[in-house]
Amino acid sequence: MKIIPSIISGNLLAIGEEMERTKAIGAMHIDVEDGNFSTGITVGLDMVAAIAAKTHASMDVHLVVTNPADYIEVLCDLGVTGIGVHIEGAVFPSKLLGMIKNRGVRAGLAVTLKTPIEMVLPFVDMLDYVLILTNEQDHQGLKFREWSYEKIEKARKLLPKDIEVWADGGIKEDILPKVARAGADHVIIGRALMSAKDPYAECLRLEGLCKDWSI
């Protein structure tokens, strides 16, 4: 199981420094949120372009936006490694996945907490990964929801082995091994990793905790 840092969970006023601190990890996750699909607003295409111009790390972009088709071609031009779009916001997911795959970029479908994993099954022939969101904003903030273990486990059983299962949302050290045991191939970690003095060393330490549990 691999851990990928969520770069926007770092200090956005010093994004260049945050990129340097995580450079040795070799990968980053970028949430692009437009304030319409969800309440959050993070970064836009200009920031992704600035990041892409200064890094050799692989970049996967999670589009938490109302009109993902407006972003895909630009992101592909920027050289991102993967693009995940939300099935809840896609009238025709095949069209979006085709746009991504035709550019030689890895394609993913993201599912919110309420969405059954079975919703992605009609599109397995076009997928490289499924991104499962493991929290949702409520009165407790963005806390990991226990139901997610079962959802990850079901995803791993239902999906072909060549489709990766990713988990993202409120995953901390005590939760991480259980997520690995449930069957996650990749885990996105934000503040718990970006707040570390040495994110690379912390990433290796956390991955080490999961070696006995990963399947």
N, C-alpha and C. Protein backbone atom coordinates (compact mmCIF):
# COMPACT_ATOMS: atom_id res chain seq x y z
N MET A 1 0.83 -1.19 0.00
CA MET A 1 0.00 0.00 0.00
C MET A 1 0.87 1.24 0.00
N LYS A 2 0.52 2.20 -0.85
CA LYS A 2 1.28 3.43 -0.98
C LYS A 2 0.50 4.62 -0.43
N ILE A 3 1.23 5.54 0.16
CA ILE A 3 0.64 6.78 0.68
C ILE A 3 1.02 7.92 -0.26
N ILE A 4 0.04 8.75 -0.58
CA ILE A 4 0.26 9.91 -1.44
C ILE A 4 -0.12 11.16 -0.65
N PRO A 5 0.76 12.17 -0.59
CA PRO A 5 0.44 13.38 0.16
C PRO A 5 -0.54 14.28 -0.60
N SER A 6 -1.48 14.83 0.14
CA SER A 6 -2.38 15.84 -0.41
C SER A 6 -1.71 17.19 -0.24
N ILE A 7 -1.15 17.70 -1.32
CA ILE A 7 -0.27 18.87 -1.25
C ILE A 7 -1.00 20.12 -0.76
N ILE A 8 -2.30 20.22 -1.06
CA ILE A 8 -3.01 21.44 -0.66
C ILE A 8 -3.34 21.45 0.83
N SER A 9 -3.05 20.35 1.52
CA SER A 9 -3.22 20.35 2.98
C SER A 9 -2.03 20.99 3.67
N GLY A 10 -1.01 21.32 2.88
CA GLY A 10 0.14 22.03 3.44
C GLY A 10 -0.12 23.52 3.47
N ASN A 11 0.94 24.28 3.60
CA ASN A 11 0.85 25.74 3.66
C ASN A 11 0.76 26.29 2.25
N LEU A 12 -0.41 26.75 1.84
CA LEU A 12 -0.60 27.24 0.48
C LEU A 12 0.10 28.57 0.24
N LEU A 13 0.49 29.25 1.31
CA LEU A 13 1.26 30.48 1.15
C LEU A 13 2.73 30.19 0.86
N ALA A 14 3.10 28.92 1.00
CA ALA A 14 4.48 28.51 0.72
C ALA A 14 4.45 27.19 -0.04
N ILE A 15 3.65 27.13 -1.11
CA ILE A 15 3.45 25.87 -1.82
C ILE A 15 4.75 25.34 -2.40
N GLY A 16 5.64 26.24 -2.82
CA GLY A 16 6.93 25.80 -3.35
C GLY A 16 7.75 25.07 -2.31
N GLU A 17 7.74 25.58 -1.09
CA GLU A 17 8.47 24.93 -0.01
C GLU A 17 7.83 23.59 0.33
N GLU A 18 6.51 23.52 0.30
CA GLU A 18 5.83 22.27 0.58
C GLU A 18 6.16 21.22 -0.48
N MET A 19 6.25 21.64 -1.72
CA MET A 19 6.64 20.73 -2.80
C MET A 19 8.05 20.21 -2.59
N GLU A 20 8.93 21.06 -2.13
CA GLU A 20 10.31 20.65 -1.88
C GLU A 20 10.37 19.65 -0.72
N ARG A 21 9.56 19.88 0.31
CA ARG A 21 9.57 18.98 1.47
C ARG A 21 9.04 17.59 1.13
N THR A 22 8.18 17.51 0.12
CA THR A 22 7.59 16.21 -0.24
C THR A 22 8.20 15.62 -1.51
N LYS A 23 9.22 16.27 -2.05
CA LYS A 23 9.79 15.87 -3.34
C LYS A 23 10.23 14.42 -3.36
N ALA A 24 10.84 13.95 -2.29
CA ALA A 24 11.38 12.59 -2.25
C ALA A 24 10.29 11.53 -2.33
N ILE A 25 9.07 11.88 -2.00
CA ILE A 25 7.97 10.92 -2.09
C ILE A 25 7.67 10.59 -3.55
N GLY A 26 7.84 11.58 -4.41
CA GLY A 26 7.70 11.35 -5.84
C GLY A 26 6.28 11.37 -6.37
N ALA A 27 5.33 11.75 -5.54
CA ALA A 27 3.92 11.77 -5.97
C ALA A 27 3.17 12.80 -5.14
N MET A 28 2.12 13.33 -5.72
CA MET A 28 1.26 14.25 -4.98
C MET A 28 -0.17 14.14 -5.49
N HIS A 29 -1.09 14.47 -4.59
CA HIS A 29 -2.52 14.46 -4.88
C HIS A 29 -3.02 15.90 -4.78
N ILE A 30 -3.79 16.34 -5.78
CA ILE A 30 -4.27 17.72 -5.80
C ILE A 30 -5.79 17.71 -5.92
N ASP A 31 -6.45 18.26 -4.92
CA ASP A 31 -7.91 18.41 -4.96
C ASP A 31 -8.25 19.75 -5.59
N VAL A 32 -8.96 19.71 -6.70
CA VAL A 32 -9.45 20.93 -7.34
C VAL A 32 -10.94 21.03 -7.02
N GLU A 33 -11.30 21.98 -6.17
CA GLU A 33 -12.69 22.14 -5.73
C GLU A 33 -13.19 23.52 -6.16
N ASP A 34 -14.38 23.56 -6.73
CA ASP A 34 -14.87 24.82 -7.31
C ASP A 34 -15.89 25.55 -6.45
N GLY A 35 -16.24 25.00 -5.29
CA GLY A 35 -17.22 25.65 -4.44
C GLY A 35 -18.65 25.42 -4.87
N ASN A 36 -18.87 24.67 -5.93
CA ASN A 36 -20.22 24.36 -6.42
C ASN A 36 -20.58 22.91 -6.19
N PHE A 37 -19.73 22.00 -6.65
CA PHE A 37 -19.98 20.59 -6.39
C PHE A 37 -19.96 20.32 -4.88
N SER A 38 -19.00 20.94 -4.21
CA SER A 38 -18.93 20.89 -2.74
C SER A 38 -18.76 22.31 -2.24
N THR A 39 -18.78 22.47 -0.93
CA THR A 39 -18.70 23.83 -0.37
C THR A 39 -17.29 24.38 -0.37
N GLY A 40 -16.30 23.53 -0.53
CA GLY A 40 -14.91 23.99 -0.46
C GLY A 40 -14.41 24.57 -1.77
N ILE A 41 -13.47 25.50 -1.65
CA ILE A 41 -12.75 26.04 -2.80
C ILE A 41 -11.26 25.89 -2.49
N THR A 42 -10.55 25.17 -3.34
CA THR A 42 -9.13 24.93 -3.07
C THR A 42 -8.27 25.68 -4.07
N VAL A 43 -7.83 25.01 -5.11
CA VAL A 43 -7.00 25.63 -6.13
C VAL A 43 -7.63 25.40 -7.50
N GLY A 44 -7.22 26.24 -8.45
CA GLY A 44 -7.73 26.12 -9.80
C GLY A 44 -6.65 25.68 -10.77
N LEU A 45 -6.94 25.77 -12.04
CA LEU A 45 -6.03 25.30 -13.07
C LEU A 45 -4.73 26.10 -13.10
N ASP A 46 -4.78 27.38 -12.78
CA ASP A 46 -3.56 28.18 -12.78
C ASP A 46 -2.56 27.66 -11.74
N MET A 47 -3.06 27.30 -10.57
CA MET A 47 -2.18 26.77 -9.53
C MET A 47 -1.64 25.40 -9.92
N VAL A 48 -2.49 24.57 -10.51
CA VAL A 48 -2.02 23.26 -10.96
C VAL A 48 -0.92 23.44 -12.01
N ALA A 49 -1.09 24.41 -12.90
CA ALA A 49 -0.08 24.69 -13.92
C ALA A 49 1.24 25.14 -13.28
N ALA A 50 1.14 25.98 -12.25
CA ALA A 50 2.34 26.44 -11.57
C ALA A 50 3.06 25.29 -10.87
N ILE A 51 2.29 24.39 -10.27
CA ILE A 51 2.88 23.23 -9.62
C ILE A 51 3.54 22.31 -10.65
N ALA A 52 2.83 22.06 -11.75
CA ALA A 52 3.35 21.17 -12.78
C ALA A 52 4.65 21.67 -13.38
N ALA A 53 4.79 22.99 -13.46
CA ALA A 53 6.00 23.58 -14.05
C ALA A 53 7.22 23.42 -13.16
N LYS A 54 7.00 23.08 -11.88
CA LYS A 54 8.11 23.06 -10.92
C LYS A 54 8.34 21.68 -10.30
N THR A 55 7.71 20.64 -10.84
CA THR A 55 7.86 19.33 -10.21
C THR A 55 8.06 18.24 -11.25
N HIS A 56 8.77 17.19 -10.83
CA HIS A 56 8.89 15.98 -11.63
C HIS A 56 8.07 14.84 -11.00
N ALA A 57 7.37 15.16 -9.90
CA ALA A 57 6.56 14.14 -9.22
C ALA A 57 5.33 13.81 -10.05
N SER A 58 4.83 12.60 -9.88
CA SER A 58 3.57 12.26 -10.51
C SER A 58 2.45 13.02 -9.81
N MET A 59 1.49 13.48 -10.57
CA MET A 59 0.39 14.28 -10.03
C MET A 59 -0.94 13.65 -10.41
N ASP A 60 -1.72 13.28 -9.42
CA ASP A 60 -3.10 12.89 -9.72
C ASP A 60 -4.01 14.00 -9.21
N VAL A 61 -4.99 14.33 -10.02
CA VAL A 61 -5.90 15.44 -9.71
C VAL A 61 -7.29 14.88 -9.47
N HIS A 62 -7.87 15.28 -8.35
CA HIS A 62 -9.22 14.90 -7.97
C HIS A 62 -10.13 16.08 -8.27
N LEU A 63 -10.99 15.93 -9.28
CA LEU A 63 -11.86 17.02 -9.70
C LEU A 63 -13.16 17.02 -8.91
N VAL A 64 -13.23 17.90 -7.94
CA VAL A 64 -14.45 18.07 -7.13
C VAL A 64 -15.16 19.30 -7.67
N VAL A 65 -15.65 19.16 -8.89
CA VAL A 65 -16.18 20.31 -9.64
C VAL A 65 -17.48 19.93 -10.33
N THR A 66 -18.24 20.94 -10.71
CA THR A 66 -19.53 20.72 -11.35
C THR A 66 -19.40 20.31 -12.81
N ASN A 67 -18.41 20.89 -13.52
CA ASN A 67 -18.25 20.60 -14.94
C ASN A 67 -16.84 20.07 -15.22
N PRO A 68 -16.58 18.81 -14.89
CA PRO A 68 -15.22 18.27 -15.03
C PRO A 68 -14.70 18.29 -16.46
N ALA A 69 -15.59 18.24 -17.45
CA ALA A 69 -15.14 18.24 -18.85
C ALA A 69 -14.38 19.51 -19.19
N ASP A 70 -14.67 20.59 -18.47
CA ASP A 70 -13.99 21.87 -18.73
C ASP A 70 -12.53 21.85 -18.28
N TYR A 71 -12.15 20.86 -17.48
CA TYR A 71 -10.82 20.81 -16.89
C TYR A 71 -9.91 19.75 -17.52
N ILE A 72 -10.49 18.73 -18.09
CA ILE A 72 -9.73 17.54 -18.44
C ILE A 72 -8.64 17.81 -19.46
N GLU A 73 -8.97 18.48 -20.57
CA GLU A 73 -7.97 18.70 -21.62
C GLU A 73 -6.80 19.54 -21.11
N VAL A 74 -7.11 20.56 -20.34
CA VAL A 74 -6.03 21.41 -19.80
C VAL A 74 -5.12 20.61 -18.88
N LEU A 75 -5.71 19.80 -18.01
CA LEU A 75 -4.91 18.98 -17.10
C LEU A 75 -4.04 17.99 -17.87
N CYS A 76 -4.58 17.40 -18.91
CA CYS A 76 -3.78 16.47 -19.72
C CYS A 76 -2.61 17.21 -20.38
N ASP A 77 -2.85 18.42 -20.85
CA ASP A 77 -1.78 19.22 -21.44
C ASP A 77 -0.68 19.53 -20.44
N LEU A 78 -1.06 19.62 -19.16
CA LEU A 78 -0.09 19.93 -18.11
C LEU A 78 0.75 18.72 -17.70
N GLY A 79 0.36 17.55 -18.18
CA GLY A 79 1.15 16.36 -17.90
C GLY A 79 0.81 15.65 -16.61
N VAL A 80 -0.42 15.80 -16.13
CA VAL A 80 -0.79 15.09 -14.90
C VAL A 80 -0.81 13.59 -15.18
N THR A 81 -0.62 12.81 -14.11
CA THR A 81 -0.55 11.37 -14.25
C THR A 81 -1.94 10.72 -14.25
N GLY A 82 -2.82 11.25 -13.42
CA GLY A 82 -4.16 10.68 -13.32
C GLY A 82 -5.19 11.75 -13.02
N ILE A 83 -6.42 11.50 -13.44
CA ILE A 83 -7.53 12.42 -13.17
C ILE A 83 -8.71 11.59 -12.66
N GLY A 84 -9.22 11.98 -11.50
CA GLY A 84 -10.39 11.33 -10.93
C GLY A 84 -11.60 12.25 -10.99
N VAL A 85 -12.69 11.77 -11.56
CA VAL A 85 -13.92 12.56 -11.65
C VAL A 85 -15.00 11.89 -10.81
N HIS A 86 -15.92 12.69 -10.32
CA HIS A 86 -16.99 12.16 -9.46
C HIS A 86 -18.12 11.58 -10.29
N ILE A 87 -18.48 10.35 -9.96
CA ILE A 87 -19.59 9.72 -10.67
C ILE A 87 -20.90 10.45 -10.37
N GLU A 88 -21.01 11.08 -9.19
CA GLU A 88 -22.25 11.78 -8.82
C GLU A 88 -22.49 13.00 -9.69
N GLY A 89 -21.43 13.57 -10.26
CA GLY A 89 -21.58 14.78 -11.06
C GLY A 89 -21.48 14.52 -12.55
N ALA A 90 -21.43 13.25 -12.95
CA ALA A 90 -21.26 12.91 -14.36
C ALA A 90 -22.53 12.29 -14.91
N VAL A 91 -23.16 12.96 -15.86
CA VAL A 91 -24.34 12.40 -16.50
C VAL A 91 -23.95 11.19 -17.34
N PHE A 92 -22.82 11.33 -18.05
CA PHE A 92 -22.29 10.24 -18.86
C PHE A 92 -20.82 10.02 -18.49
N PRO A 93 -20.56 9.22 -17.46
CA PRO A 93 -19.18 8.98 -17.02
C PRO A 93 -18.27 8.45 -18.13
N SER A 94 -18.80 7.65 -19.04
CA SER A 94 -17.98 7.08 -20.10
C SER A 94 -17.34 8.17 -20.95
N LYS A 95 -18.06 9.24 -21.20
CA LYS A 95 -17.52 10.33 -22.01
C LYS A 95 -16.31 10.97 -21.33
N LEU A 96 -16.44 11.22 -20.03
CA LEU A 96 -15.33 11.83 -19.29
C LEU A 96 -14.14 10.89 -19.21
N LEU A 97 -14.40 9.63 -18.91
CA LEU A 97 -13.31 8.65 -18.81
C LEU A 97 -12.63 8.48 -20.17
N GLY A 98 -13.42 8.51 -21.24
CA GLY A 98 -12.84 8.41 -22.57
C GLY A 98 -11.94 9.59 -22.90
N MET A 99 -12.34 10.79 -22.49
CA MET A 99 -11.52 11.98 -22.71
C MET A 99 -10.16 11.82 -22.04
N ILE A 100 -10.18 11.26 -20.85
CA ILE A 100 -8.93 11.08 -20.09
C ILE A 100 -8.07 9.98 -20.71
N LYS A 101 -8.68 8.83 -20.97
CA LYS A 101 -7.93 7.69 -21.50
C LYS A 101 -7.35 7.97 -22.88
N ASN A 102 -8.07 8.72 -23.70
CA ASN A 102 -7.60 9.03 -25.04
C ASN A 102 -6.34 9.88 -25.03
N ARG A 103 -6.06 10.53 -23.92
CA ARG A 103 -4.85 11.33 -23.79
C ARG A 103 -3.73 10.57 -23.09
N GLY A 104 -3.95 9.29 -22.84
CA GLY A 104 -2.91 8.48 -22.21
C GLY A 104 -2.74 8.74 -20.73
N VAL A 105 -3.77 9.29 -20.08
CA VAL A 105 -3.74 9.60 -18.65
C VAL A 105 -4.57 8.58 -17.90
N ARG A 106 -4.14 8.23 -16.69
CA ARG A 106 -4.89 7.28 -15.87
C ARG A 106 -6.24 7.88 -15.45
N ALA A 107 -7.28 7.07 -15.55
CA ALA A 107 -8.63 7.56 -15.29
C ALA A 107 -9.20 6.92 -14.03
N GLY A 108 -9.84 7.77 -13.21
CA GLY A 108 -10.45 7.28 -11.98
C GLY A 108 -11.85 7.81 -11.80
N LEU A 109 -12.64 7.05 -11.08
CA LEU A 109 -13.96 7.51 -10.65
C LEU A 109 -13.93 7.68 -9.14
N ALA A 110 -14.41 8.82 -8.67
CA ALA A 110 -14.51 9.08 -7.23
C ALA A 110 -15.94 8.91 -6.78
N VAL A 111 -16.11 8.39 -5.56
CA VAL A 111 -17.45 8.20 -5.01
C VAL A 111 -17.51 8.82 -3.63
N THR A 112 -18.57 9.57 -3.38
CA THR A 112 -18.76 10.17 -2.07
C THR A 112 -19.21 9.11 -1.08
N LEU A 113 -19.31 9.51 0.17
CA LEU A 113 -19.63 8.58 1.25
C LEU A 113 -20.95 7.85 1.03
N LYS A 114 -21.93 8.54 0.46
CA LYS A 114 -23.28 7.97 0.32
C LYS A 114 -23.45 7.06 -0.90
N THR A 115 -22.49 7.12 -1.82
CA THR A 115 -22.65 6.42 -3.09
C THR A 115 -22.22 4.96 -3.00
N PRO A 116 -23.09 4.02 -3.34
CA PRO A 116 -22.71 2.60 -3.33
C PRO A 116 -21.58 2.34 -4.32
N ILE A 117 -20.66 1.48 -3.95
CA ILE A 117 -19.53 1.19 -4.83
C ILE A 117 -19.99 0.50 -6.11
N GLU A 118 -21.15 -0.13 -6.06
CA GLU A 118 -21.67 -0.80 -7.25
C GLU A 118 -21.91 0.16 -8.42
N MET A 119 -22.00 1.46 -8.12
CA MET A 119 -22.26 2.45 -9.17
C MET A 119 -21.12 2.52 -10.19
N VAL A 120 -19.92 2.13 -9.82
CA VAL A 120 -18.79 2.24 -10.74
C VAL A 120 -18.64 1.00 -11.63
N LEU A 121 -19.35 -0.07 -11.32
CA LEU A 121 -19.12 -1.34 -12.01
C LEU A 121 -19.38 -1.29 -13.52
N PRO A 122 -20.34 -0.50 -14.01
CA PRO A 122 -20.53 -0.47 -15.47
C PRO A 122 -19.34 0.12 -16.23
N PHE A 123 -18.38 0.71 -15.51
CA PHE A 123 -17.30 1.43 -16.18
C PHE A 123 -15.93 0.81 -15.94
N VAL A 124 -15.91 -0.42 -15.43
CA VAL A 124 -14.63 -1.02 -15.04
C VAL A 124 -13.65 -1.16 -16.20
N ASP A 125 -14.17 -1.30 -17.42
CA ASP A 125 -13.28 -1.47 -18.56
C ASP A 125 -12.57 -0.18 -18.94
N MET A 126 -12.95 0.93 -18.31
CA MET A 126 -12.34 2.23 -18.61
C MET A 126 -11.57 2.80 -17.42
N LEU A 127 -11.50 2.04 -16.34
CA LEU A 127 -10.94 2.57 -15.10
C LEU A 127 -9.54 2.06 -14.79
N ASP A 128 -8.76 2.94 -14.17
CA ASP A 128 -7.48 2.55 -13.58
C ASP A 128 -7.57 2.51 -12.06
N TYR A 129 -8.44 3.35 -11.50
CA TYR A 129 -8.59 3.37 -10.04
C TYR A 129 -9.96 3.92 -9.65
N VAL A 130 -10.36 3.58 -8.43
CA VAL A 130 -11.57 4.13 -7.83
C VAL A 130 -11.17 4.83 -6.54
N LEU A 131 -11.59 6.07 -6.39
CA LEU A 131 -11.26 6.87 -5.21
C LEU A 131 -12.46 6.93 -4.29
N ILE A 132 -12.34 6.34 -3.11
CA ILE A 132 -13.43 6.29 -2.14
C ILE A 132 -13.21 7.38 -1.09
N LEU A 133 -14.15 8.30 -1.01
CA LEU A 133 -14.07 9.33 0.03
C LEU A 133 -14.58 8.74 1.34
N THR A 134 -13.77 8.87 2.38
CA THR A 134 -14.06 8.20 3.65
C THR A 134 -14.54 9.16 4.73
N ASN A 135 -14.90 10.36 4.33
CA ASN A 135 -15.51 11.28 5.30
C ASN A 135 -16.45 12.24 4.57
N GLU A 136 -17.13 13.05 5.36
CA GLU A 136 -18.07 14.03 4.83
C GLU A 136 -18.24 15.10 5.89
N GLN A 137 -18.35 16.35 5.45
CA GLN A 137 -18.50 17.45 6.38
C GLN A 137 -19.79 17.32 7.18
N ASP A 138 -19.66 17.35 8.52
CA ASP A 138 -20.84 17.35 9.38
C ASP A 138 -20.50 18.08 10.68
N HIS A 139 -21.28 17.86 11.72
CA HIS A 139 -21.07 18.58 12.98
C HIS A 139 -19.76 18.20 13.65
N GLN A 140 -19.16 17.08 13.22
CA GLN A 140 -17.87 16.65 13.76
C GLN A 140 -16.70 17.09 12.89
N GLY A 141 -16.99 17.87 11.85
CA GLY A 141 -15.95 18.28 10.94
C GLY A 141 -15.79 17.26 9.83
N LEU A 142 -14.54 16.91 9.53
CA LEU A 142 -14.25 15.94 8.47
C LEU A 142 -13.61 14.70 9.08
N LYS A 143 -14.37 14.00 9.85
CA LYS A 143 -13.89 12.82 10.57
C LYS A 143 -14.08 11.56 9.72
N PHE A 144 -13.11 10.65 9.78
CA PHE A 144 -13.22 9.37 9.10
C PHE A 144 -14.48 8.65 9.58
N ARG A 145 -15.23 8.10 8.62
CA ARG A 145 -16.48 7.41 8.95
C ARG A 145 -16.24 5.90 8.92
N GLU A 146 -16.62 5.22 10.00
CA GLU A 146 -16.33 3.80 10.18
C GLU A 146 -16.91 2.92 9.07
N TRP A 147 -18.01 3.33 8.49
CA TRP A 147 -18.63 2.55 7.42
C TRP A 147 -17.67 2.35 6.25
N SER A 148 -16.67 3.21 6.15
CA SER A 148 -15.77 3.17 5.00
C SER A 148 -14.96 1.89 4.93
N TYR A 149 -14.66 1.27 6.08
CA TYR A 149 -13.92 0.01 6.04
C TYR A 149 -14.65 -1.03 5.20
N GLU A 150 -15.94 -1.15 5.45
CA GLU A 150 -16.74 -2.13 4.72
C GLU A 150 -16.84 -1.78 3.24
N LYS A 151 -16.91 -0.49 2.96
CA LYS A 151 -17.02 -0.05 1.57
C LYS A 151 -15.73 -0.35 0.80
N ILE A 152 -14.59 -0.11 1.43
CA ILE A 152 -13.29 -0.43 0.81
C ILE A 152 -13.18 -1.93 0.57
N GLU A 153 -13.57 -2.70 1.57
CA GLU A 153 -13.49 -4.15 1.45
C GLU A 153 -14.38 -4.65 0.30
N LYS A 154 -15.58 -4.09 0.19
CA LYS A 154 -16.49 -4.49 -0.89
C LYS A 154 -15.91 -4.10 -2.25
N ALA A 155 -15.32 -2.91 -2.32
CA ALA A 155 -14.72 -2.47 -3.58
C ALA A 155 -13.62 -3.42 -4.03
N ARG A 156 -12.78 -3.83 -3.09
CA ARG A 156 -11.68 -4.71 -3.45
C ARG A 156 -12.18 -6.07 -3.93
N LYS A 157 -13.29 -6.54 -3.38
CA LYS A 157 -13.86 -7.82 -3.79
C LYS A 157 -14.55 -7.73 -5.14
N LEU A 158 -15.22 -6.61 -5.41
CA LEU A 158 -16.01 -6.47 -6.63
C LEU A 158 -15.18 -6.05 -7.84
N LEU A 159 -14.15 -5.26 -7.63
CA LEU A 159 -13.40 -4.71 -8.75
C LEU A 159 -12.32 -5.68 -9.23
N PRO A 160 -12.03 -5.68 -10.52
CA PRO A 160 -10.90 -6.48 -11.01
C PRO A 160 -9.61 -6.07 -10.31
N LYS A 161 -8.68 -7.01 -10.19
CA LYS A 161 -7.45 -6.76 -9.43
C LYS A 161 -6.59 -5.66 -10.02
N ASP A 162 -6.73 -5.41 -11.33
CA ASP A 162 -5.89 -4.38 -11.95
C ASP A 162 -6.44 -2.97 -11.73
N ILE A 163 -7.59 -2.84 -11.12
CA ILE A 163 -8.14 -1.53 -10.77
C ILE A 163 -7.81 -1.24 -9.32
N GLU A 164 -7.09 -0.15 -9.09
CA GLU A 164 -6.65 0.19 -7.74
C GLU A 164 -7.79 0.79 -6.93
N VAL A 165 -7.77 0.52 -5.64
CA VAL A 165 -8.72 1.11 -4.70
C VAL A 165 -7.99 2.16 -3.88
N TRP A 166 -8.44 3.40 -3.98
CA TRP A 166 -7.85 4.51 -3.24
C TRP A 166 -8.82 4.96 -2.15
N ALA A 167 -8.27 5.43 -1.04
CA ALA A 167 -9.09 5.95 0.06
C ALA A 167 -8.58 7.33 0.46
N ASP A 168 -9.51 8.22 0.76
CA ASP A 168 -9.13 9.61 1.05
C ASP A 168 -10.14 10.23 2.00
N GLY A 169 -9.63 10.73 3.15
CA GLY A 169 -10.50 11.50 4.03
C GLY A 169 -10.39 11.16 5.49
N GLY A 170 -9.69 11.98 6.25
CA GLY A 170 -9.62 11.82 7.70
C GLY A 170 -8.86 10.59 8.16
N ILE A 171 -7.96 10.08 7.32
CA ILE A 171 -7.24 8.85 7.66
C ILE A 171 -5.98 9.19 8.44
N LYS A 172 -5.97 8.78 9.70
CA LYS A 172 -4.84 9.05 10.59
C LYS A 172 -4.11 7.74 10.92
N GLU A 173 -3.08 7.85 11.74
CA GLU A 173 -2.21 6.72 12.01
C GLU A 173 -2.94 5.50 12.55
N ASP A 174 -3.87 5.71 13.45
CA ASP A 174 -4.56 4.57 14.05
C ASP A 174 -5.54 3.91 13.08
N ILE A 175 -5.99 4.66 12.09
CA ILE A 175 -6.95 4.16 11.11
C ILE A 175 -6.24 3.48 9.94
N LEU A 176 -5.06 3.95 9.62
CA LEU A 176 -4.36 3.54 8.41
C LEU A 176 -4.19 2.02 8.26
N PRO A 177 -3.71 1.29 9.27
CA PRO A 177 -3.56 -0.16 9.08
C PRO A 177 -4.88 -0.87 8.79
N LYS A 178 -5.97 -0.38 9.38
CA LYS A 178 -7.28 -0.99 9.14
C LYS A 178 -7.75 -0.74 7.71
N VAL A 179 -7.41 0.44 7.18
CA VAL A 179 -7.75 0.75 5.79
C VAL A 179 -6.95 -0.16 4.86
N ALA A 180 -5.68 -0.38 5.20
CA ALA A 180 -4.85 -1.29 4.40
C ALA A 180 -5.40 -2.70 4.44
N ARG A 181 -5.81 -3.14 5.61
CA ARG A 181 -6.34 -4.50 5.76
C ARG A 181 -7.64 -4.66 4.98
N ALA A 182 -8.42 -3.59 4.89
CA ALA A 182 -9.68 -3.65 4.14
C ALA A 182 -9.44 -3.81 2.65
N GLY A 183 -8.24 -3.41 2.18
CA GLY A 183 -7.91 -3.63 0.78
C GLY A 183 -7.51 -2.42 -0.02
N ALA A 184 -7.26 -1.27 0.63
CA ALA A 184 -6.85 -0.08 -0.11
C ALA A 184 -5.44 -0.25 -0.66
N ASP A 185 -5.26 0.16 -1.92
CA ASP A 185 -3.95 0.12 -2.56
C ASP A 185 -3.19 1.43 -2.36
N HIS A 186 -3.92 2.53 -2.34
CA HIS A 186 -3.34 3.85 -2.13
C HIS A 186 -4.19 4.59 -1.11
N VAL A 187 -3.53 5.38 -0.27
CA VAL A 187 -4.23 6.21 0.70
C VAL A 187 -3.73 7.64 0.57
N ILE A 188 -4.66 8.56 0.49
CA ILE A 188 -4.33 9.99 0.45
C ILE A 188 -4.32 10.50 1.88
N ILE A 189 -3.22 11.14 2.27
CA ILE A 189 -3.13 11.70 3.61
C ILE A 189 -2.74 13.17 3.51
N GLY A 190 -3.48 14.01 4.22
CA GLY A 190 -3.25 15.44 4.16
C GLY A 190 -2.48 15.97 5.34
N ARG A 191 -3.19 16.58 6.29
CA ARG A 191 -2.53 17.27 7.40
C ARG A 191 -1.65 16.35 8.24
N ALA A 192 -2.07 15.10 8.41
CA ALA A 192 -1.29 14.17 9.24
C ALA A 192 0.09 13.93 8.65
N LEU A 193 0.23 14.13 7.36
CA LEU A 193 1.53 13.96 6.70
C LEU A 193 2.22 15.30 6.48
N MET A 194 1.48 16.29 6.01
CA MET A 194 2.07 17.58 5.69
C MET A 194 2.52 18.34 6.92
N SER A 195 1.99 18.02 8.08
CA SER A 195 2.40 18.71 9.32
C SER A 195 3.67 18.11 9.91
N ALA A 196 4.14 16.99 9.36
CA ALA A 196 5.36 16.36 9.87
C ALA A 196 6.58 17.19 9.51
N LYS A 197 7.60 17.13 10.35
CA LYS A 197 8.84 17.85 10.08
C LYS A 197 9.49 17.34 8.81
N ASP A 198 9.45 16.03 8.61
CA ASP A 198 10.01 15.40 7.41
C ASP A 198 8.92 14.50 6.80
N PRO A 199 8.14 15.03 5.85
CA PRO A 199 7.03 14.24 5.29
C PRO A 199 7.49 12.93 4.66
N TYR A 200 8.66 12.91 4.05
CA TYR A 200 9.13 11.67 3.41
C TYR A 200 9.39 10.59 4.45
N ALA A 201 10.07 10.94 5.51
CA ALA A 201 10.34 9.98 6.58
C ALA A 201 9.03 9.51 7.22
N GLU A 202 8.10 10.44 7.39
CA GLU A 202 6.81 10.09 7.97
C GLU A 202 6.03 9.16 7.04
N CYS A 203 6.12 9.42 5.74
CA CYS A 203 5.45 8.57 4.76
C CYS A 203 5.99 7.13 4.83
N LEU A 204 7.30 6.99 4.91
CA LEU A 204 7.90 5.66 5.02
C LEU A 204 7.49 4.97 6.31
N ARG A 205 7.44 5.74 7.39
CA ARG A 205 7.05 5.16 8.69
C ARG A 205 5.61 4.66 8.64
N LEU A 206 4.72 5.46 8.08
CA LEU A 206 3.31 5.08 8.02
C LEU A 206 3.09 3.89 7.10
N GLU A 207 3.79 3.87 5.97
CA GLU A 207 3.68 2.72 5.08
C GLU A 207 4.19 1.45 5.76
N GLY A 208 5.21 1.61 6.59
CA GLY A 208 5.74 0.47 7.32
C GLY A 208 4.75 -0.12 8.29
N LEU A 209 3.88 0.71 8.83
CA LEU A 209 2.85 0.22 9.76
C LEU A 209 1.86 -0.71 9.07
N CYS A 210 1.79 -0.60 7.75
CA CYS A 210 0.77 -1.34 7.00
C CYS A 210 1.30 -2.59 6.32
N LYS A 211 2.58 -2.84 6.40
CA LYS A 211 3.15 -3.95 5.65
C LYS A 211 2.53 -5.30 6.02
N ASP A 212 2.22 -5.48 7.27
CA ASP A 212 1.67 -6.75 7.71
C ASP A 212 0.18 -6.88 7.40
N TRP A 213 -0.44 -5.74 6.99
CA TRP A 213 -1.89 -5.76 6.78
C TRP A 213 -2.28 -5.68 5.33
N SER A 214 -1.40 -5.12 4.48
CA SER A 214 -1.77 -4.93 3.08
C SER A 214 -2.02 -6.28 2.42
N ILE A 215 -3.00 -6.32 1.52
CA ILE A 215 -3.33 -7.58 0.86
C ILE A 215 -2.94 -7.51 -0.62
